[in-house]
């Protein structure tokens, strides 16, 4: 899903937040805060299909339908709506190294289908930060900066692994990626390490 556009490029003219992912072109310099809660998610098996680096909303819907049809064909129980997985740490990895998949949590004897590009994977459980943006995929840079650059370090917490889950909770049928609401689930753990990416409240604006 392309996120860097004219609007995010304009944000580059602002003073960049210390601790923001500096390797990400288009990262906004001033970010707000987001409501969040700490939740526990269970470990689940899931059907998985790769998404392109610049996937569109139409391609996302097609991938969703593909997984749903595969689950129905195998008579699997769908446990929750599909999740978009970012396989990267936005604070450390440049965007050209990011990869995306769509996963559908299921129960039952799930089987891969190599011809269809569908594999079987596992969604690992544990502690997650659950938050939401109503500004679509183009706001994810700001959200990552807040959660990974401010929230977690201030609580002596860190990203558990380079996997961040997303779900479009409203606006999936809209072709504009900026006009949807996206729930985000960030795995975290407690660390005794001193924070190295703390973004101060004053700098966040």
N, C-alpha and C. Protein backbone atom coordinates (compact mmCIF):
# COMPACT_ATOMS: atom_id res chain seq x y z
N UNK A 1 0.85 -1.18 0.00
CA UNK A 1 0.00 0.00 0.00
C UNK A 1 0.89 1.23 0.00
N UNK A 2 0.86 2.06 -1.05
CA UNK A 2 1.71 3.24 -1.07
C UNK A 2 1.27 4.23 -0.01
N UNK A 3 2.22 4.70 0.83
CA UNK A 3 1.88 5.64 1.89
C UNK A 3 2.49 7.00 1.66
N UNK A 4 3.64 7.07 1.02
CA UNK A 4 4.30 8.36 0.82
C UNK A 4 3.69 9.05 -0.38
N UNK A 5 2.99 10.16 -0.18
CA UNK A 5 2.37 10.90 -1.26
C UNK A 5 2.70 12.37 -1.07
N UNK A 6 1.99 13.24 -1.79
CA UNK A 6 2.29 14.66 -1.71
C UNK A 6 2.09 15.20 -0.30
N UNK A 7 1.06 14.71 0.39
CA UNK A 7 0.78 15.21 1.74
C UNK A 7 1.92 14.85 2.68
N UNK A 8 2.34 13.57 2.66
CA UNK A 8 3.41 13.17 3.57
C UNK A 8 4.72 13.83 3.18
N UNK A 9 4.93 14.10 1.91
CA UNK A 9 6.14 14.81 1.50
C UNK A 9 6.14 16.23 2.05
N UNK A 10 4.95 16.85 2.12
CA UNK A 10 4.87 18.19 2.70
C UNK A 10 5.25 18.16 4.17
N UNK A 11 4.92 17.06 4.84
CA UNK A 11 5.27 16.94 6.25
C UNK A 11 6.78 16.93 6.46
N UNK A 12 7.52 16.56 5.44
CA UNK A 12 8.97 16.53 5.58
C UNK A 12 9.56 17.92 5.79
N UNK A 13 8.79 18.94 5.43
CA UNK A 13 9.28 20.30 5.60
C UNK A 13 9.26 20.71 7.07
N UNK A 14 8.53 19.95 7.90
CA UNK A 14 8.48 20.26 9.32
C UNK A 14 9.70 19.65 10.01
N UNK A 15 9.93 20.09 11.24
CA UNK A 15 11.04 19.52 12.01
C UNK A 15 10.71 18.09 12.37
N UNK A 16 11.59 17.15 11.99
CA UNK A 16 11.32 15.75 12.23
C UNK A 16 11.47 15.43 13.71
N UNK A 17 10.57 14.61 14.21
CA UNK A 17 10.61 14.21 15.61
C UNK A 17 11.85 13.38 15.88
N UNK A 18 12.57 13.73 16.96
CA UNK A 18 13.70 12.90 17.35
C UNK A 18 13.18 11.53 17.76
N UNK A 19 13.73 10.49 17.16
CA UNK A 19 13.28 9.15 17.45
C UNK A 19 12.32 8.62 16.40
N UNK A 20 11.85 9.48 15.49
CA UNK A 20 11.00 8.99 14.41
C UNK A 20 11.83 8.14 13.48
N UNK A 21 11.19 7.24 12.72
CA UNK A 21 11.95 6.37 11.83
C UNK A 21 12.61 7.16 10.70
N UNK A 22 13.85 7.58 10.89
CA UNK A 22 14.51 8.50 9.98
C UNK A 22 14.76 7.91 8.61
N UNK A 23 14.74 6.57 8.51
CA UNK A 23 15.01 5.95 7.22
C UNK A 23 13.77 5.91 6.34
N UNK A 24 12.63 6.36 6.86
CA UNK A 24 11.39 6.26 6.11
C UNK A 24 11.10 7.56 5.39
N UNK A 25 11.16 7.59 4.06
CA UNK A 25 10.81 8.81 3.33
C UNK A 25 9.35 9.16 3.58
N UNK A 26 9.08 10.41 3.78
CA UNK A 26 7.70 10.84 3.97
C UNK A 26 7.22 10.77 5.39
N UNK A 27 8.08 10.37 6.35
CA UNK A 27 7.64 10.30 7.74
C UNK A 27 7.32 11.70 8.25
N UNK A 28 6.18 11.86 8.89
CA UNK A 28 5.77 13.17 9.38
C UNK A 28 6.64 13.60 10.53
N UNK A 29 6.92 14.91 10.63
CA UNK A 29 7.77 15.39 11.69
C UNK A 29 7.03 15.61 12.99
N UNK A 30 5.74 15.94 12.92
CA UNK A 30 4.97 16.18 14.11
C UNK A 30 3.82 15.18 14.14
N UNK A 31 3.77 14.38 15.18
CA UNK A 31 2.72 13.37 15.25
C UNK A 31 1.92 13.58 16.51
N UNK A 32 0.67 13.13 16.48
CA UNK A 32 -0.18 13.25 17.64
C UNK A 32 -0.13 12.00 18.49
N UNK A 33 -1.11 11.86 19.36
CA UNK A 33 -1.22 10.67 20.19
C UNK A 33 -2.43 9.86 19.74
N UNK A 34 -2.48 8.63 20.18
CA UNK A 34 -3.55 7.72 19.78
C UNK A 34 -4.07 7.00 21.03
N UNK A 35 -5.38 6.82 21.09
CA UNK A 35 -5.94 6.02 22.17
C UNK A 35 -5.49 4.58 21.98
N UNK A 36 -5.27 3.90 23.08
CA UNK A 36 -4.80 2.52 22.97
C UNK A 36 -5.20 1.74 24.22
N UNK A 37 -5.09 0.44 24.14
CA UNK A 37 -5.23 -0.42 25.31
C UNK A 37 -4.32 -1.63 25.14
N UNK A 38 -3.93 -2.20 26.26
CA UNK A 38 -3.13 -3.42 26.24
C UNK A 38 -4.07 -4.61 26.24
N UNK A 39 -3.85 -5.53 25.31
CA UNK A 39 -4.72 -6.70 25.17
C UNK A 39 -3.86 -7.95 25.07
N UNK A 40 -4.48 -9.08 25.33
CA UNK A 40 -3.85 -10.38 25.13
C UNK A 40 -4.50 -11.05 23.93
N UNK A 41 -3.67 -11.49 23.00
CA UNK A 41 -4.19 -12.19 21.83
C UNK A 41 -3.73 -13.64 21.88
N UNK A 42 -4.62 -14.59 21.48
CA UNK A 42 -4.25 -16.00 21.50
C UNK A 42 -3.42 -16.38 20.28
N UNK A 43 -2.68 -17.45 20.40
CA UNK A 43 -1.97 -18.01 19.25
C UNK A 43 -2.97 -18.74 18.37
N UNK A 44 -2.91 -18.49 17.06
CA UNK A 44 -3.87 -19.11 16.15
C UNK A 44 -3.19 -19.50 14.84
N UNK A 45 -3.71 -20.54 14.23
CA UNK A 45 -3.28 -20.89 12.88
C UNK A 45 -4.01 -19.97 11.90
N UNK A 46 -3.42 -19.80 10.74
CA UNK A 46 -4.03 -18.90 9.77
C UNK A 46 -3.63 -19.28 8.36
N UNK A 47 -4.51 -19.01 7.43
CA UNK A 47 -4.18 -19.07 6.01
C UNK A 47 -3.49 -17.76 5.65
N UNK A 48 -2.53 -17.81 4.75
CA UNK A 48 -1.74 -16.62 4.44
C UNK A 48 -1.52 -16.50 2.94
N UNK A 49 -1.55 -15.26 2.47
CA UNK A 49 -1.25 -14.97 1.07
C UNK A 49 -0.41 -13.69 1.03
N UNK A 50 0.56 -13.65 0.14
CA UNK A 50 1.42 -12.48 0.03
C UNK A 50 0.67 -11.31 -0.59
N UNK A 51 1.01 -10.12 -0.13
CA UNK A 51 0.54 -8.88 -0.73
C UNK A 51 1.73 -8.17 -1.35
N UNK A 52 1.49 -7.45 -2.42
CA UNK A 52 2.56 -6.69 -3.05
C UNK A 52 3.00 -5.54 -2.16
N UNK A 53 4.18 -5.01 -2.44
CA UNK A 53 4.71 -3.90 -1.64
C UNK A 53 3.79 -2.68 -1.70
N UNK A 54 3.20 -2.44 -2.85
CA UNK A 54 2.32 -1.28 -3.05
C UNK A 54 0.89 -1.75 -3.31
N UNK A 55 0.40 -2.66 -2.49
CA UNK A 55 -0.93 -3.22 -2.74
C UNK A 55 -2.00 -2.14 -2.64
N UNK A 56 -3.05 -2.31 -3.43
CA UNK A 56 -4.17 -1.37 -3.46
C UNK A 56 -5.33 -1.93 -2.64
N UNK A 57 -6.33 -1.11 -2.41
CA UNK A 57 -7.51 -1.57 -1.69
C UNK A 57 -8.22 -2.66 -2.48
N UNK A 58 -8.24 -2.54 -3.79
CA UNK A 58 -8.85 -3.56 -4.62
C UNK A 58 -8.12 -4.89 -4.48
N UNK A 59 -6.80 -4.85 -4.47
CA UNK A 59 -6.01 -6.07 -4.31
C UNK A 59 -6.20 -6.65 -2.91
N UNK A 60 -6.38 -5.79 -1.93
CA UNK A 60 -6.62 -6.26 -0.57
C UNK A 60 -7.95 -7.00 -0.49
N UNK A 61 -8.98 -6.46 -1.13
CA UNK A 61 -10.28 -7.13 -1.13
C UNK A 61 -10.20 -8.47 -1.85
N UNK A 62 -9.46 -8.50 -2.96
CA UNK A 62 -9.32 -9.74 -3.71
C UNK A 62 -8.61 -10.81 -2.88
N UNK A 63 -7.58 -10.41 -2.14
CA UNK A 63 -6.86 -11.35 -1.28
C UNK A 63 -7.76 -11.85 -0.16
N UNK A 64 -8.55 -10.95 0.40
CA UNK A 64 -9.50 -11.34 1.45
C UNK A 64 -10.47 -12.39 0.94
N UNK A 65 -11.05 -12.15 -0.24
CA UNK A 65 -12.01 -13.09 -0.82
C UNK A 65 -11.34 -14.42 -1.15
N UNK A 66 -10.12 -14.37 -1.60
CA UNK A 66 -9.38 -15.59 -1.94
C UNK A 66 -9.20 -16.48 -0.71
N UNK A 67 -8.80 -15.88 0.40
CA UNK A 67 -8.62 -16.65 1.63
C UNK A 67 -9.95 -17.18 2.15
N UNK A 68 -11.00 -16.37 2.07
CA UNK A 68 -12.31 -16.81 2.53
C UNK A 68 -12.81 -17.99 1.72
N UNK A 69 -12.62 -17.95 0.41
CA UNK A 69 -13.04 -19.06 -0.45
C UNK A 69 -12.25 -20.32 -0.15
N UNK A 70 -10.95 -20.16 0.11
CA UNK A 70 -10.11 -21.32 0.43
C UNK A 70 -10.55 -21.93 1.76
N UNK A 71 -10.87 -21.09 2.74
CA UNK A 71 -11.33 -21.59 4.04
C UNK A 71 -12.65 -22.33 3.90
N UNK A 72 -13.56 -21.79 3.09
CA UNK A 72 -14.85 -22.45 2.88
C UNK A 72 -14.67 -23.78 2.17
N UNK A 73 -13.77 -23.83 1.21
CA UNK A 73 -13.51 -25.07 0.47
C UNK A 73 -13.01 -26.16 1.39
N UNK A 74 -12.19 -25.80 2.37
CA UNK A 74 -11.64 -26.79 3.30
C UNK A 74 -12.51 -26.97 4.55
N UNK A 75 -13.66 -26.30 4.58
CA UNK A 75 -14.59 -26.40 5.71
C UNK A 75 -13.92 -26.00 7.02
N UNK A 76 -13.16 -24.91 6.98
CA UNK A 76 -12.49 -24.39 8.16
C UNK A 76 -13.38 -23.37 8.86
N UNK A 77 -13.23 -23.26 10.16
CA UNK A 77 -13.95 -22.24 10.91
C UNK A 77 -13.12 -20.96 10.93
N UNK A 78 -13.70 -19.88 10.45
CA UNK A 78 -13.01 -18.59 10.47
C UNK A 78 -13.20 -17.97 11.85
N UNK A 79 -12.10 -17.66 12.53
CA UNK A 79 -12.14 -17.19 13.91
C UNK A 79 -12.29 -15.68 14.04
N UNK A 80 -11.79 -14.95 13.08
CA UNK A 80 -11.91 -13.49 13.08
C UNK A 80 -11.61 -12.98 11.67
N UNK A 81 -11.84 -11.71 11.45
CA UNK A 81 -11.59 -11.14 10.14
C UNK A 81 -10.09 -11.15 9.82
N UNK A 82 -9.80 -11.09 8.54
CA UNK A 82 -8.41 -11.16 8.09
C UNK A 82 -7.59 -10.00 8.64
N UNK A 83 -6.30 -10.27 8.82
CA UNK A 83 -5.34 -9.29 9.33
C UNK A 83 -4.25 -9.05 8.31
N UNK A 84 -3.85 -7.80 8.16
CA UNK A 84 -2.73 -7.44 7.30
C UNK A 84 -1.48 -7.41 8.16
N UNK A 85 -0.44 -8.11 7.74
CA UNK A 85 0.77 -8.21 8.56
C UNK A 85 1.92 -7.46 7.89
N UNK A 86 2.50 -6.53 8.62
CA UNK A 86 3.75 -5.90 8.19
C UNK A 86 4.90 -6.68 8.82
N UNK A 87 5.76 -7.25 7.98
CA UNK A 87 6.90 -8.00 8.46
C UNK A 87 8.13 -7.09 8.45
N UNK A 88 8.22 -6.21 9.45
CA UNK A 88 9.32 -5.26 9.54
C UNK A 88 9.20 -4.50 10.85
N UNK A 89 10.29 -3.87 11.25
CA UNK A 89 10.29 -2.91 12.35
C UNK A 89 10.41 -1.53 11.72
N UNK A 90 9.33 -0.74 11.71
CA UNK A 90 9.37 0.56 11.03
C UNK A 90 10.40 1.52 11.58
N UNK A 91 10.87 1.29 12.81
CA UNK A 91 11.88 2.16 13.39
C UNK A 91 13.28 1.80 12.92
N UNK A 92 13.44 0.63 12.36
CA UNK A 92 14.77 0.14 12.00
C UNK A 92 14.92 -0.17 10.52
N UNK A 93 13.87 -0.67 9.89
CA UNK A 93 13.97 -1.18 8.52
C UNK A 93 13.45 -0.16 7.51
N UNK A 94 14.19 0.08 6.43
CA UNK A 94 13.72 1.00 5.38
C UNK A 94 12.53 0.39 4.64
N UNK A 95 11.64 1.22 4.13
CA UNK A 95 10.41 0.73 3.51
C UNK A 95 10.61 -0.27 2.38
N UNK A 96 11.71 -0.13 1.62
CA UNK A 96 11.88 -1.06 0.50
C UNK A 96 12.15 -2.48 0.97
N UNK A 97 12.42 -2.66 2.26
CA UNK A 97 12.63 -4.00 2.81
C UNK A 97 11.36 -4.55 3.48
N UNK A 98 10.32 -3.74 3.55
CA UNK A 98 9.09 -4.20 4.18
C UNK A 98 8.38 -5.21 3.29
N UNK A 99 7.78 -6.22 3.90
CA UNK A 99 6.93 -7.16 3.18
C UNK A 99 5.60 -7.26 3.90
N UNK A 100 4.56 -7.58 3.14
CA UNK A 100 3.20 -7.62 3.66
C UNK A 100 2.53 -8.94 3.30
N UNK A 101 1.73 -9.45 4.22
CA UNK A 101 0.89 -10.60 3.93
C UNK A 101 -0.50 -10.34 4.50
N UNK A 102 -1.46 -11.10 4.00
CA UNK A 102 -2.81 -11.09 4.57
C UNK A 102 -3.04 -12.46 5.18
N UNK A 103 -3.49 -12.50 6.42
CA UNK A 103 -3.70 -13.78 7.10
C UNK A 103 -5.14 -13.86 7.59
N UNK A 104 -5.69 -15.07 7.52
CA UNK A 104 -7.06 -15.32 7.97
C UNK A 104 -7.02 -16.37 9.08
N UNK A 105 -7.27 -15.98 10.33
CA UNK A 105 -7.24 -16.93 11.45
C UNK A 105 -8.35 -17.98 11.31
N UNK A 106 -7.97 -19.24 11.42
CA UNK A 106 -8.93 -20.33 11.23
C UNK A 106 -8.65 -21.44 12.24
N UNK A 107 -9.62 -22.32 12.40
CA UNK A 107 -9.42 -23.56 13.14
C UNK A 107 -9.85 -24.71 12.23
N UNK A 108 -9.24 -25.85 12.43
CA UNK A 108 -9.49 -26.99 11.56
C UNK A 108 -8.21 -27.43 10.88
N UNK A 109 -8.31 -28.41 10.02
CA UNK A 109 -7.13 -28.97 9.35
C UNK A 109 -6.82 -28.16 8.09
N UNK A 110 -6.21 -27.03 8.30
CA UNK A 110 -5.88 -26.13 7.18
C UNK A 110 -4.75 -26.72 6.36
N UNK A 111 -4.87 -26.58 5.05
CA UNK A 111 -3.85 -27.08 4.13
C UNK A 111 -3.45 -25.97 3.17
N UNK A 112 -2.18 -25.95 2.83
CA UNK A 112 -1.67 -24.96 1.89
C UNK A 112 -2.11 -25.31 0.47
N UNK A 113 -2.08 -24.32 -0.40
CA UNK A 113 -2.37 -24.51 -1.82
C UNK A 113 -1.31 -23.74 -2.60
N UNK A 114 -0.25 -24.43 -2.99
CA UNK A 114 0.87 -23.76 -3.65
C UNK A 114 0.44 -23.10 -4.95
N UNK A 115 -0.44 -23.75 -5.70
CA UNK A 115 -0.89 -23.19 -6.97
C UNK A 115 -1.61 -21.86 -6.78
N UNK A 116 -2.32 -21.73 -5.67
CA UNK A 116 -3.06 -20.50 -5.38
C UNK A 116 -2.23 -19.50 -4.60
N UNK A 117 -1.01 -19.89 -4.22
CA UNK A 117 -0.16 -18.98 -3.45
C UNK A 117 -0.58 -18.84 -2.00
N UNK A 118 -1.28 -19.85 -1.49
CA UNK A 118 -1.77 -19.80 -0.11
C UNK A 118 -0.95 -20.75 0.76
N UNK A 119 -0.47 -20.26 1.87
CA UNK A 119 0.29 -21.07 2.82
C UNK A 119 -0.42 -21.08 4.17
N UNK A 120 0.06 -21.93 5.06
CA UNK A 120 -0.48 -22.00 6.42
C UNK A 120 0.58 -21.44 7.36
N UNK A 121 0.18 -20.51 8.21
CA UNK A 121 1.11 -19.87 9.13
C UNK A 121 0.52 -19.83 10.53
N UNK A 122 1.22 -19.17 11.43
CA UNK A 122 0.76 -19.06 12.81
C UNK A 122 0.82 -17.60 13.25
N UNK A 123 -0.25 -17.15 13.87
CA UNK A 123 -0.28 -15.83 14.49
C UNK A 123 0.07 -16.03 15.96
N UNK A 124 1.18 -15.50 16.37
CA UNK A 124 1.64 -15.73 17.74
C UNK A 124 0.89 -14.85 18.74
N UNK A 125 0.53 -15.46 19.85
CA UNK A 125 -0.20 -14.76 20.88
C UNK A 125 0.71 -14.01 21.83
N UNK A 126 0.09 -13.38 22.83
CA UNK A 126 0.85 -12.62 23.82
C UNK A 126 0.28 -11.24 24.01
N UNK A 127 1.10 -10.36 24.57
CA UNK A 127 0.68 -8.99 24.88
C UNK A 127 0.80 -8.10 23.65
N UNK A 128 -0.25 -7.33 23.40
CA UNK A 128 -0.29 -6.42 22.25
C UNK A 128 -0.81 -5.05 22.69
N UNK A 129 -0.32 -4.02 22.04
CA UNK A 129 -0.95 -2.70 22.08
C UNK A 129 -1.97 -2.67 20.95
N UNK A 130 -3.22 -2.39 21.28
CA UNK A 130 -4.27 -2.24 20.27
C UNK A 130 -4.62 -0.77 20.15
N UNK A 131 -4.54 -0.23 18.96
CA UNK A 131 -4.84 1.17 18.73
C UNK A 131 -5.55 1.31 17.39
N UNK A 132 -5.87 2.53 17.01
CA UNK A 132 -6.69 2.75 15.81
C UNK A 132 -6.37 4.09 15.19
N UNK A 133 -6.35 4.13 13.88
CA UNK A 133 -6.33 5.39 13.16
C UNK A 133 -7.54 5.45 12.24
N UNK A 134 -8.18 6.61 12.20
CA UNK A 134 -9.32 6.81 11.30
C UNK A 134 -8.88 7.53 10.03
N UNK A 135 -7.57 7.70 9.86
CA UNK A 135 -7.04 8.43 8.72
C UNK A 135 -6.41 7.53 7.66
N UNK A 136 -6.68 6.25 7.75
CA UNK A 136 -6.25 5.35 6.70
C UNK A 136 -4.79 4.94 6.77
N UNK A 137 -4.37 4.24 5.73
CA UNK A 137 -3.01 3.70 5.67
C UNK A 137 -1.95 4.80 5.65
N UNK A 138 -2.31 5.96 5.15
CA UNK A 138 -1.32 7.03 5.04
C UNK A 138 -0.95 7.62 6.41
N UNK A 139 -1.71 7.27 7.43
CA UNK A 139 -1.40 7.76 8.77
C UNK A 139 -0.57 6.76 9.58
N UNK A 140 -0.26 5.62 8.99
CA UNK A 140 0.45 4.59 9.75
C UNK A 140 1.84 5.04 10.17
N UNK A 141 2.51 5.85 9.36
CA UNK A 141 3.83 6.35 9.76
C UNK A 141 3.74 7.07 11.11
N UNK A 142 2.73 7.94 11.23
CA UNK A 142 2.56 8.68 12.47
C UNK A 142 2.25 7.75 13.63
N UNK A 143 1.39 6.78 13.38
CA UNK A 143 1.01 5.84 14.43
C UNK A 143 2.21 5.02 14.89
N UNK A 144 3.00 4.52 13.93
CA UNK A 144 4.20 3.75 14.30
C UNK A 144 5.14 4.60 15.14
N UNK A 145 5.30 5.86 14.75
CA UNK A 145 6.21 6.74 15.47
C UNK A 145 5.74 6.94 16.91
N UNK A 146 4.44 7.12 17.09
CA UNK A 146 3.91 7.30 18.44
C UNK A 146 4.10 6.04 19.28
N UNK A 147 3.67 4.90 18.75
CA UNK A 147 3.71 3.66 19.54
C UNK A 147 5.14 3.20 19.78
N UNK A 148 5.94 3.14 18.72
CA UNK A 148 7.29 2.60 18.83
C UNK A 148 8.30 3.62 19.33
N UNK A 149 8.07 4.90 19.04
CA UNK A 149 9.04 5.93 19.41
C UNK A 149 8.74 6.65 20.70
N UNK A 150 7.50 6.56 21.16
CA UNK A 150 7.13 7.26 22.39
C UNK A 150 6.51 6.32 23.43
N UNK A 151 5.43 5.67 23.07
CA UNK A 151 4.65 4.91 24.04
C UNK A 151 5.44 3.75 24.65
N UNK A 152 5.95 2.86 23.82
CA UNK A 152 6.66 1.70 24.35
C UNK A 152 7.91 2.09 25.14
N UNK A 153 8.79 2.96 24.59
CA UNK A 153 9.98 3.32 25.37
C UNK A 153 9.66 3.97 26.71
N UNK A 154 8.59 4.76 26.77
CA UNK A 154 8.25 5.45 28.02
C UNK A 154 7.78 4.47 29.09
N UNK A 155 7.36 3.27 28.68
CA UNK A 155 6.95 2.24 29.63
C UNK A 155 7.96 1.11 29.73
N UNK A 156 9.18 1.37 29.24
CA UNK A 156 10.24 0.34 29.22
C UNK A 156 9.77 -0.93 28.52
N UNK A 157 9.13 -0.72 27.39
CA UNK A 157 8.64 -1.83 26.58
C UNK A 157 9.25 -1.74 25.19
N UNK A 158 9.29 -2.87 24.50
CA UNK A 158 9.87 -2.93 23.17
C UNK A 158 9.01 -3.80 22.27
N UNK A 159 9.19 -3.62 20.97
CA UNK A 159 8.53 -4.46 19.98
C UNK A 159 9.04 -5.89 20.15
N UNK A 160 8.13 -6.84 20.31
CA UNK A 160 8.53 -8.22 20.55
C UNK A 160 9.23 -8.83 19.34
N UNK A 161 8.71 -8.58 18.17
CA UNK A 161 9.25 -9.14 16.93
C UNK A 161 8.77 -8.26 15.79
N UNK A 162 9.45 -8.30 14.67
CA UNK A 162 9.08 -7.42 13.55
C UNK A 162 7.83 -7.91 12.81
N UNK A 163 6.72 -7.90 13.52
CA UNK A 163 5.42 -8.25 12.93
C UNK A 163 4.37 -7.33 13.55
N UNK A 164 3.73 -6.52 12.73
CA UNK A 164 2.68 -5.63 13.20
C UNK A 164 1.42 -5.96 12.41
N UNK A 165 0.32 -6.18 13.15
CA UNK A 165 -0.93 -6.61 12.53
C UNK A 165 -1.89 -5.43 12.37
N UNK A 166 -2.65 -5.47 11.29
CA UNK A 166 -3.60 -4.40 10.98
C UNK A 166 -4.91 -5.04 10.50
N UNK A 167 -6.00 -4.33 10.75
CA UNK A 167 -7.29 -4.74 10.21
C UNK A 167 -8.07 -3.50 9.80
N UNK A 168 -8.59 -3.51 8.59
CA UNK A 168 -9.45 -2.41 8.15
C UNK A 168 -10.83 -2.65 8.76
N UNK A 169 -11.22 -1.80 9.69
CA UNK A 169 -12.49 -1.98 10.40
C UNK A 169 -13.61 -1.16 9.78
N UNK A 170 -13.26 -0.24 8.91
CA UNK A 170 -14.29 0.56 8.23
C UNK A 170 -13.68 1.12 6.95
N UNK A 171 -14.43 1.06 5.85
CA UNK A 171 -13.98 1.66 4.61
C UNK A 171 -13.22 0.74 3.68
N UNK A 172 -13.28 -0.58 3.90
CA UNK A 172 -12.54 -1.50 3.04
C UNK A 172 -13.04 -1.47 1.60
N UNK A 173 -14.30 -1.16 1.41
CA UNK A 173 -14.85 -1.12 0.06
C UNK A 173 -14.50 0.18 -0.66
N UNK A 174 -13.88 1.11 0.05
CA UNK A 174 -13.45 2.37 -0.55
C UNK A 174 -12.10 2.16 -1.22
N UNK A 175 -11.92 2.68 -2.42
CA UNK A 175 -10.66 2.51 -3.12
C UNK A 175 -9.59 3.50 -2.68
N UNK A 176 -9.96 4.48 -1.86
CA UNK A 176 -9.00 5.46 -1.36
C UNK A 176 -8.40 4.95 -0.05
N UNK A 177 -7.10 4.61 -0.01
CA UNK A 177 -6.50 4.07 1.22
C UNK A 177 -6.43 5.07 2.35
N UNK A 178 -6.69 6.34 2.06
CA UNK A 178 -6.68 7.36 3.10
C UNK A 178 -8.03 7.55 3.75
N UNK A 179 -9.06 6.87 3.25
CA UNK A 179 -10.40 7.04 3.78
C UNK A 179 -10.93 5.73 4.34
N UNK A 180 -10.19 5.21 5.31
CA UNK A 180 -10.63 4.01 6.01
C UNK A 180 -10.09 4.06 7.44
N UNK A 181 -10.65 3.24 8.29
CA UNK A 181 -10.19 3.14 9.67
C UNK A 181 -9.42 1.84 9.82
N UNK A 182 -8.24 1.92 10.43
CA UNK A 182 -7.37 0.76 10.53
C UNK A 182 -7.02 0.51 11.99
N UNK A 183 -7.41 -0.66 12.50
CA UNK A 183 -6.97 -1.09 13.82
C UNK A 183 -5.57 -1.68 13.70
N UNK A 184 -4.74 -1.41 14.68
CA UNK A 184 -3.34 -1.85 14.64
C UNK A 184 -3.01 -2.59 15.94
N UNK A 185 -2.33 -3.73 15.80
CA UNK A 185 -1.95 -4.55 16.95
C UNK A 185 -0.43 -4.71 16.95
N UNK A 186 0.20 -4.19 17.99
CA UNK A 186 1.66 -4.17 18.08
C UNK A 186 2.11 -5.07 19.23
N UNK A 187 2.84 -6.17 18.96
CA UNK A 187 3.30 -7.04 20.04
C UNK A 187 4.41 -6.36 20.84
N UNK A 188 4.36 -6.49 22.16
CA UNK A 188 5.37 -5.82 22.98
C UNK A 188 5.76 -6.69 24.17
N UNK A 189 6.91 -6.35 24.76
CA UNK A 189 7.34 -7.01 25.99
C UNK A 189 8.08 -6.00 26.86
N UNK A 190 8.16 -6.30 28.14
CA UNK A 190 8.84 -5.44 29.09
C UNK A 190 10.34 -5.64 29.00
N UNK A 191 11.10 -4.54 29.01
CA UNK A 191 12.55 -4.62 28.94
C UNK A 191 13.16 -3.75 30.02
N UNK A 192 14.34 -4.12 30.49
CA UNK A 192 15.06 -3.31 31.47
C UNK A 192 16.04 -2.36 30.81
N UNK A 193 16.10 -2.41 29.48
CA UNK A 193 16.99 -1.52 28.75
C UNK A 193 16.49 -0.09 28.81
N UNK A 194 17.42 0.85 28.89
CA UNK A 194 17.04 2.26 28.86
C UNK A 194 16.49 2.60 27.49
N UNK A 195 15.43 3.41 27.40
CA UNK A 195 14.86 3.76 26.10
C UNK A 195 15.86 4.54 25.25
N UNK A 196 15.94 4.18 23.98
CA UNK A 196 16.86 4.85 23.07
C UNK A 196 16.13 5.65 22.00
N UNK A 197 14.81 5.49 21.90
CA UNK A 197 14.06 6.16 20.85
C UNK A 197 12.93 6.99 21.43
N UNK A 198 13.09 7.45 22.66
CA UNK A 198 12.02 8.18 23.31
C UNK A 198 11.76 9.52 22.62
N UNK A 199 10.52 9.74 22.23
CA UNK A 199 10.09 11.00 21.63
C UNK A 199 9.39 11.80 22.71
N UNK A 200 9.87 13.00 23.00
CA UNK A 200 9.29 13.80 24.08
C UNK A 200 7.94 14.36 23.67
N UNK A 201 7.12 14.64 24.68
CA UNK A 201 5.78 15.19 24.42
C UNK A 201 5.87 16.53 23.70
N UNK A 202 6.87 17.36 24.07
CA UNK A 202 7.01 18.66 23.44
C UNK A 202 7.34 18.51 21.96
N UNK A 203 8.18 17.55 21.65
CA UNK A 203 8.57 17.36 20.26
C UNK A 203 7.43 16.82 19.42
N UNK A 204 6.50 16.11 20.06
CA UNK A 204 5.39 15.53 19.32
C UNK A 204 4.38 16.58 18.94
N UNK A 205 4.38 17.73 19.61
CA UNK A 205 3.48 18.81 19.26
C UNK A 205 2.05 18.56 19.72
